[in-house]
C-alpha atoms as a PDB file:
ATOM      1  CA  MET A   1     -83.260 -36.226 -55.699  1.00  0.00           C
ATOM      2  CA  LYS A   2     -85.414 -33.395 -57.632  1.00  0.00           C
ATOM      3  CA  LYS A   3     -86.113 -31.865 -54.242  1.00  0.00           C
ATOM      4  CA  LEU A   4     -82.739 -31.761 -53.144  1.00  0.00           C
ATOM      5  CA  GLY A   5     -81.920 -29.939 -56.258  1.00  0.00           C
ATOM      6  CA  LEU A   6     -84.438 -27.864 -55.652  1.00  0.00           C
ATOM      7  CA  TYR A   7     -83.286 -27.043 -52.455  1.00  0.00           C
ATOM      8  CA  LEU A   8     -79.790 -25.857 -53.436  1.00  0.00           C
ATOM      9  CA  SER A   9     -80.574 -24.010 -55.803  1.00  0.00           C
ATOM     10  CA  VAL A  10     -82.970 -22.042 -53.648  1.00  0.00           C
ATOM     11  CA  LEU A  11     -80.027 -22.099 -51.121  1.00  0.00           C
ATOM     12  CA  VAL A  12     -77.674 -21.157 -53.666  1.00  0.00           C
ATOM     13  CA  LEU A  13     -80.366 -17.755 -55.067  1.00  0.00           C
ATOM     14  CA  ALA A  14     -80.668 -16.869 -51.011  1.00  0.00           C
ATOM     15  CA  VAL A  15     -76.880 -16.713 -50.527  1.00  0.00           C
ATOM     16  CA  LEU A  16     -76.326 -14.512 -53.765  1.00  0.00           C
ATOM     17  CA  PHE A  17     -78.798 -12.000 -52.786  1.00  0.00           C
ATOM     18  CA  PHE A  18     -77.827 -12.027 -49.269  1.00  0.00           C
ATOM     19  CA  VAL A  19     -74.162 -11.175 -50.791  1.00  0.00           C
ATOM     20  CA  PHE A  20     -75.843  -8.496 -53.215  1.00  0.00           C
ATOM     21  CA  GLY A  21     -77.712  -7.460 -49.990  1.00  0.00           C
ATOM     22  CA  LEU A  22     -74.355  -7.069 -48.243  1.00  0.00           C
ATOM     23  CA  PHE A  23     -72.933  -4.361 -51.272  1.00  0.00           C
ATOM     24  CA  ASN A  24     -76.079  -2.538 -51.928  1.00  0.00           C
ATOM     25  CA  LYS A  25     -77.210  -0.659 -48.985  1.00  0.00           C
ATOM     26  CA  ALA A  26     -77.585   2.637 -50.632  1.00  0.00           C
ATOM     27  CA  GLN A  27     -80.926   4.518 -50.213  1.00  0.00           C
ATOM     28  CA  VAL A  28     -83.090   4.815 -53.602  1.00  0.00           C
ATOM     29  CA  GLN A  29     -86.326   6.547 -54.640  1.00  0.00           C
ATOM     30  CA  PHE A  30     -88.963   4.093 -55.109  1.00  0.00           C
ATOM     31  CA  ASP A  31     -92.208   5.642 -56.772  1.00  0.00           C
ATOM     32  CA  TYR A  32     -95.095   4.326 -57.029  1.00  0.00           C
ATOM     33  CA  ILE A  33     -98.932   5.577 -58.334  1.00  0.00           C
ATOM     34  CA  LEU A  34     -99.534   6.542 -54.589  1.00  0.00           C
ATOM     35  CA  GLY A  35     -96.626   8.513 -53.752  1.00  0.00           C
ATOM     36  CA  SER A  36     -92.880   7.555 -53.394  1.00  0.00           C
ATOM     37  CA  THR A  37     -90.508   6.581 -50.340  1.00  0.00           C
ATOM     38  CA  GLN A  38     -86.368   5.802 -50.025  1.00  0.00           C
ATOM     39  CA  LEU A  39     -86.147   2.166 -49.703  1.00  0.00           C
ATOM     40  CA  PRO A  40     -82.633   0.381 -49.583  1.00  0.00           C
ATOM     41  CA  LEU A  41     -81.536  -0.613 -52.736  1.00  0.00           C
ATOM     42  CA  VAL A  42     -81.437  -4.243 -51.358  1.00  0.00           C
ATOM     43  CA  PHE A  43     -85.430  -4.158 -50.464  1.00  0.00           C
ATOM     44  CA  VAL A  44     -86.371  -2.969 -54.367  1.00  0.00           C
ATOM     45  CA  MET A  45     -84.160  -5.658 -55.453  1.00  0.00           C
ATOM     46  CA  LEU A  46     -86.448  -7.786 -53.034  1.00  0.00           C
ATOM     47  CA  ILE A  47     -89.533  -6.353 -54.508  1.00  0.00           C
ATOM     48  CA  CYS A  48     -88.740  -6.641 -58.100  1.00  0.00           C
ATOM     49  CA  PHE A  49     -87.445 -10.308 -57.538  1.00  0.00           C
ATOM     50  CA  VAL A  50     -90.935 -11.046 -55.654  1.00  0.00           C
ATOM     51  CA  CYS A  51     -93.220  -9.279 -58.283  1.00  0.00           C
ATOM     52  CA  GLY A  52     -91.363 -11.365 -60.797  1.00  0.00           C
ATOM     53  CA  ALA A  53     -91.474 -14.842 -59.334  1.00  0.00           C
ATOM     54  CA  LEU A  54     -95.362 -14.090 -58.403  1.00  0.00           C
ATOM     55  CA  LEU A  55     -96.059 -13.315 -62.308  1.00  0.00           C
ATOM     56  CA  THR A  56     -94.048 -16.369 -63.367  1.00  0.00           C
ATOM     57  CA  GLN A  57     -95.899 -18.426 -61.505  1.00  0.00           C
ATOM     58  CA  ILE A  58     -99.136 -17.145 -62.421  1.00  0.00           C
ATOM     59  CA  VAL A  59     -98.151 -17.515 -66.218  1.00  0.00           C
ATOM     60  CA  PHE A  60     -97.013 -21.098 -65.482  1.00  0.00           C
ATOM     61  CA  GLY A  61     -99.433 -21.692 -63.198  1.00  0.00           C
ATOM     62  CA  LEU A  62    -102.271 -21.569 -65.701  1.00  0.00           C
ATOM     63  CA  LYS A  63    -100.876 -23.211 -68.612  1.00  0.00           C
ATOM     64  CA  PHE A  64    -100.126 -26.158 -66.346  1.00  0.00           C
ATOM     65  CA  LEU A  65    -103.717 -25.981 -65.353  1.00  0.00           C
ATOM     66  CA  TYR A  66    -104.277 -26.112 -69.073  1.00  0.00           C
ATOM     67  CA  TRP A  67    -102.616 -28.904 -70.289  1.00  0.00           C
ATOM     68  CA  LYS A  68    -103.727 -31.175 -66.877  1.00  0.00           C
ATOM     69  CA  ASN A  69    -107.441 -30.305 -67.805  1.00  0.00           C
ATOM     70  CA  ARG A  70    -106.588 -31.259 -71.856  1.00  0.00           C
ATOM     71  CA  ALA A  71    -104.685 -34.657 -70.460  1.00  0.00           C
ATOM     72  CA  VAL A  72    -107.644 -35.471 -68.272  1.00  0.00           C
ATOM     73  CA  ALA A  73    -110.083 -34.903 -71.300  1.00  0.00           C
ATOM     74  CA  LEU A  74    -107.521 -36.917 -73.413  1.00  0.00           C
ATOM     75  CA  GLU A  75    -107.923 -39.927 -70.834  1.00  0.00           C
ATOM     76  CA  LYS A  76    -111.626 -40.028 -70.776  1.00  0.00           C
ATOM     77  CA  MET A  77    -111.474 -40.360 -74.353  1.00  0.00           C
ATOM     78  CA  LEU A  78    -109.196 -42.890 -74.559  1.00  0.00           C
ATOM     79  CA  ALA A  79    -111.445 -44.781 -71.916  1.00  0.00           C
ATOM     80  CA  GLN A  80    -114.079 -44.500 -74.130  1.00  0.00           C
ATOM     81  CA  GLU A  81    -112.212 -45.827 -77.001  1.00  0.00           C
ATOM     82  CA  TYR A  82    -111.205 -48.964 -74.857  1.00  0.00           C
ATOM     83  CA  LYS A  83    -114.803 -49.441 -74.411  1.00  0.00           C
ATOM     84  CA  ALA A  84    -116.053 -49.264 -77.426  1.00  0.00           C
ATOM     85  CA  GLN A  85    -113.271 -51.286 -78.537  1.00  0.00           C
ATOM     86  CA  ASP A  86    -114.279 -54.188 -76.121  1.00  0.00           C
ATOM     87  CA  LYS A  87    -117.732 -54.139 -77.224  1.00  0.00           C
ATOM     88  CA  VAL A  88    -116.894 -54.832 -80.588  1.00  0.00           C
ATOM     89  CA  GLN A  89    -114.504 -57.629 -79.448  1.00  0.00           C
ATOM     90  CA  VAL A  90    -117.270 -58.937 -77.373  1.00  0.00           C
ATOM     91  CA  ARG A  91    -119.922 -58.775 -80.534  1.00  0.00           C
ATOM     92  CA  ALA A  92    -117.514 -60.460 -82.850  1.00  0.00           C
ATOM     93  CA  GLU A  93    -116.737 -63.083 -80.244  1.00  0.00           C
ATOM     94  CA  PHE A  94    -120.601 -63.865 -79.948  1.00  0.00           C
ATOM     95  CA  GLU A  95    -121.141 -63.576 -83.557  1.00  0.00           C
ATOM     96  CA  GLN A  96    -118.747 -66.259 -84.207  1.00  0.00           C
ATOM     97  CA  SER A  97    -119.792 -68.594 -81.424  1.00  0.00           C
ATOM     98  CA  HIS A  98    -123.073 -68.192 -82.892  1.00  0.00           C
ATOM     99  CA  GLN A  99    -122.145 -68.896 -86.476  1.00  0.00           C
ATOM    100  CA  ALA A 100    -120.370 -72.546 -85.658  1.00  0.00           C
END
């Protein structure tokens, strides 16, 4: 169901971009570091959209990796705590059985 929502939102964005493209066919000057060129406005919009999407993926991808590594580290710590707790319980049961 989650993927369906993602596909629908991508489809809606694609249709909106197509509609914007139909109405924005004007040529604009695109200046970049090595020079400049004339491009259709819709192409410049596409470049901006792709650059923004890539930047967003980089930023949130790094945050995702940080939190994933943090979760793995916490799971390891939790497993060590459970092992230590089990050792304490076994030791307590052993001492109780030998005192009786």
